Amino acid sequence: MLVRTMPSFEDVIPSPAEVDAVLPAVAGRSDHVVAILVTGRGVERTSWSDEVEVSEDDFERLLTEKAPAPDVNDLNGAKFRTLEPASRSATTQRCSECQFRPENNRCLRCGGTGRVTVHGDESAPCSACTNGIAHPCSVCKGTRRSVRVKLLFGEDRLRHFAHIFLPELPFGLREPLTRFFKARSSVPDVLSIDLSDDFAGADAYRGRRSKAEVRGHRADAALGLAKNYVERVKRLPTFVAVEAAAFAWPVVLRGEDESACAAVKDELGVTHRLP
């Protein structure tokens, strides 16, 4: 989601006049609640390994190559290869791809003639050489020496995630509010909150703790659920980096049970009635 600049948290709260304009004067209490919206992105890294032979020059280059630092701002992702730790001490051996190649580089396939028989007496240029001279080995580049290593191949992909957590509400309001927030193209940045904060309010009576609130708006268990959601995303084994943000969007409720309705402003400041 995009973040839209608005003056203050209070500007996103429907005023009493705006509430009266969109909601009927039904019996029952009025209540102020917040929905917790979580949005973010993470770098998902997949990897696999394979045993290969490489030239001595390639091995020296591989010793300097490392997996890139995960970047949540890289929209294109990244591909990489690096040596398995045990292969960093690998030693040179005779190249198994060309150990039977003759010293004078004469092509063994065509016997140095540069042509091979295909159908009956017909012949065609030999694909393994040029004018009878064998092509240099694609592994060792003609040095006859190679290094057998285990390579780790990897790919980083950017993944986006989002979720909506609602406080305790009359059943008939949950689906309309969920649809409302899913339809939003941006989130006012003044609604940003830090999920690590302690939002439980103190009760003067015997030190009890009241239900979680955000700036005087009831949040109930939505805050804890949002925090647990972000922690679970961060613990995903394929995610190597996560950036998440949380927002508390105010809603004014009126009425109870089947008569309950809600007033909420969108990102443009327009007040809506739900349902």
Protein backbone atom coordinates (compact mmCIF):
# COMPACT_ATOMS: atom_id res chain seq x y z
CA MET A 1 0.00 0.00 0.00
CA LEU A 2 1.05 3.56 -0.62
CA VAL A 3 1.26 6.03 2.25
CA ARG A 4 -0.68 9.28 1.94
CA THR A 5 0.24 12.37 3.98
CA MET A 6 -2.58 13.75 6.19
CA PRO A 7 -2.31 16.38 8.96
CA SER A 8 -3.09 14.27 12.05
CA PHE A 9 -4.72 11.12 13.43
CA GLU A 10 -7.76 13.17 14.44
CA ASP A 11 -8.34 14.16 10.79
CA VAL A 12 -9.09 10.52 9.98
CA ILE A 13 -11.70 10.26 12.74
CA PRO A 14 -15.24 11.07 11.53
CA SER A 15 -16.46 14.14 13.44
CA PRO A 16 -19.81 14.04 15.33
CA ALA A 17 -21.40 16.06 12.51
CA GLU A 18 -20.03 13.67 9.87
CA VAL A 19 -21.26 10.67 11.87
CA ASP A 20 -24.76 12.19 12.19
CA ALA A 21 -24.79 12.88 8.44
CA VAL A 22 -24.22 9.26 7.44
CA LEU A 23 -25.55 7.17 10.35
CA PRO A 24 -29.15 6.91 11.51
CA ALA A 25 -30.04 7.98 15.03
CA VAL A 26 -30.44 4.43 16.34
CA ALA A 27 -30.69 3.44 19.97
CA GLY A 28 -27.61 2.10 21.68
CA ARG A 29 -24.16 3.23 22.60
CA SER A 30 -21.56 4.86 20.38
CA ASP A 31 -18.08 3.41 20.35
CA HIS A 32 -14.70 4.31 18.91
CA VAL A 33 -12.53 1.43 17.67
CA VAL A 34 -9.51 0.93 15.42
CA ALA A 35 -8.77 -1.68 12.81
CA ILE A 36 -5.10 -2.72 12.67
CA LEU A 37 -3.69 -2.94 9.15
CA VAL A 38 -0.36 -4.67 8.62
CA THR A 39 1.53 -4.38 5.36
CA GLY A 40 5.07 -5.23 4.38
CA ARG A 41 7.48 -7.03 2.10
CA GLY A 42 10.09 -9.68 2.53
CA VAL A 43 12.94 -11.24 0.60
CA GLU A 44 12.28 -14.92 -0.08
CA ARG A 45 15.49 -16.84 -0.80
CA THR A 46 15.52 -20.22 -2.53
CA SER A 47 18.73 -22.19 -3.06
CA TRP A 48 20.01 -25.48 -4.41
CA SER A 49 23.46 -27.06 -4.81
CA ASP A 50 25.30 -29.04 -7.46
CA GLU A 51 28.74 -30.63 -7.86
CA VAL A 52 30.66 -29.27 -10.84
CA GLU A 53 34.17 -29.02 -12.26
CA VAL A 54 35.56 -25.54 -12.85
CA SER A 55 38.79 -24.15 -14.20
CA GLU A 56 41.44 -22.82 -11.84
CA ASP A 57 40.64 -19.25 -12.92
CA ASP A 58 36.93 -19.78 -12.25
CA PHE A 59 37.74 -21.25 -8.85
CA GLU A 60 39.76 -18.16 -7.91
CA ARG A 61 36.82 -15.96 -8.90
CA LEU A 62 34.39 -18.11 -6.93
CA LEU A 63 36.48 -17.66 -3.81
CA THR A 64 35.63 -13.94 -3.92
CA GLU A 65 31.91 -14.34 -4.69
CA LYS A 66 29.43 -14.15 -1.81
CA ALA A 67 25.67 -14.33 -1.52
CA PRO A 68 24.28 -10.76 -1.71
CA ALA A 69 22.78 -9.06 1.31
CA PRO A 70 18.97 -9.37 1.07
CA ASP A 71 17.42 -6.09 -0.07
CA VAL A 72 13.71 -5.38 0.51
CA ASN A 73 13.98 -2.44 -1.91
CA ASP A 74 15.20 -4.52 -4.85
CA LEU A 75 12.05 -5.03 -6.91
CA ASN A 76 13.86 -7.21 -9.46
CA GLY A 77 15.33 -9.67 -6.98
CA ALA A 78 18.77 -11.23 -7.41
CA LYS A 79 20.41 -14.42 -8.61
CA PHE A 80 23.75 -15.62 -7.27
CA ARG A 81 26.16 -18.51 -6.93
CA THR A 82 28.75 -19.16 -4.27
CA LEU A 83 30.98 -21.96 -3.05
CA GLU A 84 29.79 -24.31 -0.35
CA PRO A 85 32.07 -23.73 2.69
CA ALA A 86 33.68 -27.18 2.40
CA SER A 87 34.65 -26.49 -1.23
CA ARG A 88 36.74 -23.43 -0.40
CA SER A 89 39.66 -25.75 0.39
CA ALA A 90 39.28 -27.85 -2.78
CA THR A 91 42.50 -28.73 -4.66
CA THR A 92 43.46 -28.95 -8.33
CA GLN A 93 43.07 -32.26 -10.15
CA ARG A 94 43.42 -33.55 -13.69
CA CYS A 95 40.40 -32.41 -15.71
CA SER A 96 38.07 -35.35 -16.20
CA GLU A 97 36.48 -33.71 -19.24
CA CYS A 98 39.66 -33.73 -21.33
CA GLN A 99 42.07 -36.22 -19.74
CA PHE A 100 42.02 -38.37 -22.92
CA ARG A 101 42.65 -35.46 -25.24
CA PRO A 102 45.96 -35.98 -27.13
CA GLU A 103 48.85 -33.61 -26.52
CA ASN A 104 48.78 -32.22 -30.07
CA ASN A 105 45.06 -31.39 -29.75
CA ARG A 106 44.18 -33.54 -32.74
CA CYS A 107 40.44 -34.17 -32.69
CA LEU A 108 39.66 -37.75 -31.62
CA ARG A 109 36.19 -37.71 -33.12
CA CYS A 110 37.24 -37.18 -36.73
CA GLY A 111 40.87 -38.27 -36.41
CA GLY A 112 42.08 -34.79 -37.33
CA THR A 113 40.38 -34.76 -40.75
CA GLY A 114 37.82 -32.14 -39.81
CA ARG A 115 34.95 -34.21 -41.30
CA VAL A 116 32.79 -37.10 -40.14
CA THR A 117 30.70 -39.67 -42.06
CA VAL A 118 26.96 -39.19 -41.68
CA HIS A 119 24.97 -41.19 -44.29
CA GLY A 120 26.75 -43.80 -46.40
CA ASP A 121 29.59 -42.04 -48.16
CA GLU A 122 28.40 -38.57 -47.25
CA SER A 123 30.42 -36.49 -44.81
CA ALA A 124 29.88 -33.31 -42.83
CA PRO A 125 32.13 -30.91 -40.92
CA CYS A 126 33.05 -32.22 -37.47
CA SER A 127 31.33 -30.24 -34.71
CA ALA A 128 33.99 -31.12 -32.13
CA CYS A 129 36.86 -29.33 -33.84
CA THR A 130 37.96 -26.71 -36.32
CA ASN A 131 39.83 -28.15 -39.32
CA GLY A 132 40.81 -31.21 -37.26
CA ILE A 133 42.04 -29.25 -34.22
CA ALA A 134 39.92 -30.02 -31.18
CA HIS A 135 38.18 -27.13 -29.41
CA PRO A 136 39.66 -26.25 -26.01
CA CYS A 137 37.97 -28.03 -23.13
CA SER A 138 34.97 -25.99 -21.97
CA VAL A 139 35.78 -26.79 -18.31
CA CYS A 140 39.51 -26.20 -17.96
CA LYS A 141 39.97 -24.00 -21.06
CA GLY A 142 42.74 -26.30 -22.29
CA THR A 143 44.94 -26.30 -19.17
CA ARG A 144 44.04 -29.96 -18.37
CA ARG A 145 43.63 -28.92 -14.71
CA SER A 146 40.34 -28.35 -12.92
CA VAL A 147 38.84 -28.10 -9.44
CA ARG A 148 35.83 -30.17 -8.37
CA VAL A 149 33.57 -28.11 -6.11
CA LYS A 150 30.06 -27.94 -4.77
CA LEU A 151 28.27 -24.75 -5.82
CA LEU A 152 25.32 -23.16 -4.05
CA PHE A 153 22.91 -21.46 -6.46
CA GLY A 154 20.36 -19.02 -5.11
CA GLU A 155 17.60 -16.61 -6.07
CA ASP A 156 16.01 -13.76 -4.10
CA ARG A 157 12.42 -12.71 -4.81
CA LEU A 158 10.48 -9.84 -3.26
CA ARG A 159 7.19 -10.92 -1.68
CA HIS A 160 4.48 -8.54 -0.41
CA PHE A 161 2.10 -9.34 2.43
CA ALA A 162 -0.84 -7.59 4.12
CA HIS A 163 -3.52 -8.42 6.65
CA ILE A 164 -6.43 -6.73 8.43
CA PHE A 165 -7.18 -7.29 12.13
CA LEU A 166 -10.51 -6.10 13.55
CA PRO A 167 -11.46 -5.56 17.20
CA GLU A 168 -14.56 -7.12 18.76
CA LEU A 169 -17.46 -6.02 16.56
CA PRO A 170 -21.07 -6.98 15.87
CA PHE A 171 -20.97 -9.83 13.37
CA GLY A 172 -22.72 -7.86 10.63
CA LEU A 173 -19.95 -5.24 10.52
CA ARG A 174 -16.94 -7.51 10.12
CA GLU A 175 -17.33 -8.32 6.43
CA PRO A 176 -18.25 -4.76 5.29
CA LEU A 177 -15.28 -3.28 7.18
CA THR A 178 -12.92 -5.91 5.78
CA ARG A 179 -14.08 -5.12 2.22
CA PHE A 180 -13.71 -1.40 2.90
CA PHE A 181 -10.08 -1.67 4.01
CA LYS A 182 -9.16 -4.09 1.20
CA ALA A 183 -10.41 -1.50 -1.31
CA ARG A 184 -8.09 1.24 -0.05
CA SER A 185 -5.30 2.29 -2.40
CA SER A 186 -3.26 4.05 0.28
CA VAL A 187 -2.91 4.41 4.04
CA PRO A 188 -2.53 7.81 5.76
CA ASP A 189 0.91 7.85 7.36
CA VAL A 190 -0.48 9.55 10.50
CA LEU A 191 -2.12 6.21 11.35
CA SER A 192 1.25 4.49 11.72
CA ILE A 193 1.87 2.70 15.03
CA ASP A 194 4.71 0.71 16.58
CA LEU A 195 3.49 -2.77 17.47
CA SER A 196 6.22 -3.09 20.10
CA ASP A 197 4.57 -0.37 22.21
CA ASP A 198 2.46 -1.28 25.25
CA PHE A 199 -1.06 -0.23 24.33
CA ALA A 200 -2.79 -1.62 27.44
CA GLY A 201 -4.22 1.16 29.57
CA ALA A 202 -3.89 1.19 33.36
CA ASP A 203 -7.02 0.97 35.50
CA ALA A 204 -6.87 3.00 38.70
CA TYR A 205 -8.86 0.33 40.52
CA ARG A 206 -6.36 -2.15 42.03
CA GLY A 207 -3.94 -1.63 39.16
CA ARG A 208 -5.86 -3.72 36.66
CA ARG A 209 -5.16 -3.37 32.96
CA SER A 210 -7.91 -2.34 30.59
CA LYS A 211 -8.34 -3.64 27.03
CA ALA A 212 -5.79 -2.44 24.50
CA GLU A 213 -6.44 1.03 23.14
CA VAL A 214 -4.85 3.27 20.52
CA ARG A 215 -5.34 6.99 21.20
CA GLY A 216 -8.58 6.34 23.05
CA HIS A 217 -9.93 3.88 20.50
CA ARG A 218 -10.66 0.29 21.46
CA ALA A 219 -8.41 -2.27 19.77
CA ASP A 220 -9.00 -5.40 21.87
CA ALA A 221 -7.00 -8.44 20.72
CA ALA A 222 -6.35 -7.00 17.25
CA LEU A 223 -3.04 -5.53 18.39
CA GLY A 224 -1.75 -8.84 19.75
CA LEU A 225 -2.88 -10.72 16.65
CA ALA A 226 -1.14 -8.20 14.40
CA LYS A 227 2.09 -8.48 16.39
CA ASN A 228 1.99 -12.29 16.27
CA TYR A 229 1.34 -12.17 12.52
CA VAL A 230 4.45 -10.06 11.88
CA GLU A 231 6.55 -12.32 14.12
CA ARG A 232 5.37 -15.41 12.24
CA VAL A 233 6.25 -13.81 8.90
CA LYS A 234 9.74 -13.00 10.19
CA ARG A 235 10.21 -16.62 11.30
CA LEU A 236 9.37 -18.09 7.90
CA PRO A 237 12.41 -20.22 6.97
CA THR A 238 12.60 -18.93 3.39
CA PHE A 239 12.47 -15.23 4.37
CA VAL A 240 15.91 -13.68 4.90
CA ALA A 241 14.72 -10.08 5.36
CA VAL A 242 11.38 -8.53 6.34
CA GLU A 243 10.14 -4.95 6.51
CA ALA A 244 6.68 -4.43 8.02
CA ALA A 245 4.50 -1.48 9.03
CA ALA A 246 1.29 -1.29 11.08
CA PHE A 247 -1.52 1.27 11.01
CA ALA A 248 -4.49 1.90 13.31
CA TRP A 249 -7.52 3.08 11.29
CA PRO A 250 -10.29 4.70 13.41
CA VAL A 251 -13.94 3.69 13.09
CA VAL A 252 -16.99 5.12 14.88
CA LEU A 253 -19.72 2.61 15.77
CA ARG A 254 -23.35 3.32 16.56
CA GLY A 255 -26.02 0.91 17.72
CA GLU A 256 -25.70 -2.69 18.85
CA ASP A 257 -26.10 -6.18 17.44
CA GLU A 258 -28.26 -6.24 14.28
CA SER A 259 -28.79 -2.46 14.32
CA ALA A 260 -25.06 -1.68 14.51
CA CYS A 261 -23.54 0.51 11.80
CA ALA A 262 -20.22 2.27 11.35
CA ALA A 263 -18.79 5.52 10.04
CA VAL A 264 -15.26 5.52 8.65
CA LYS A 265 -13.21 7.90 6.52
CA ASP A 266 -11.31 6.77 3.46
CA GLU A 267 -7.82 7.93 2.47
CA LEU A 268 -9.32 10.99 0.74
CA GLY A 269 -11.21 12.14 3.81
CA VAL A 270 -14.68 11.05 2.61
CA THR A 271 -16.90 9.57 5.35
CA HIS A 272 -18.66 6.29 4.54
CA ARG A 273 -21.49 4.42 6.19
CA LEU A 274 -21.17 0.67 6.69
CA PRO A 275 -22.96 -1.54 6.03
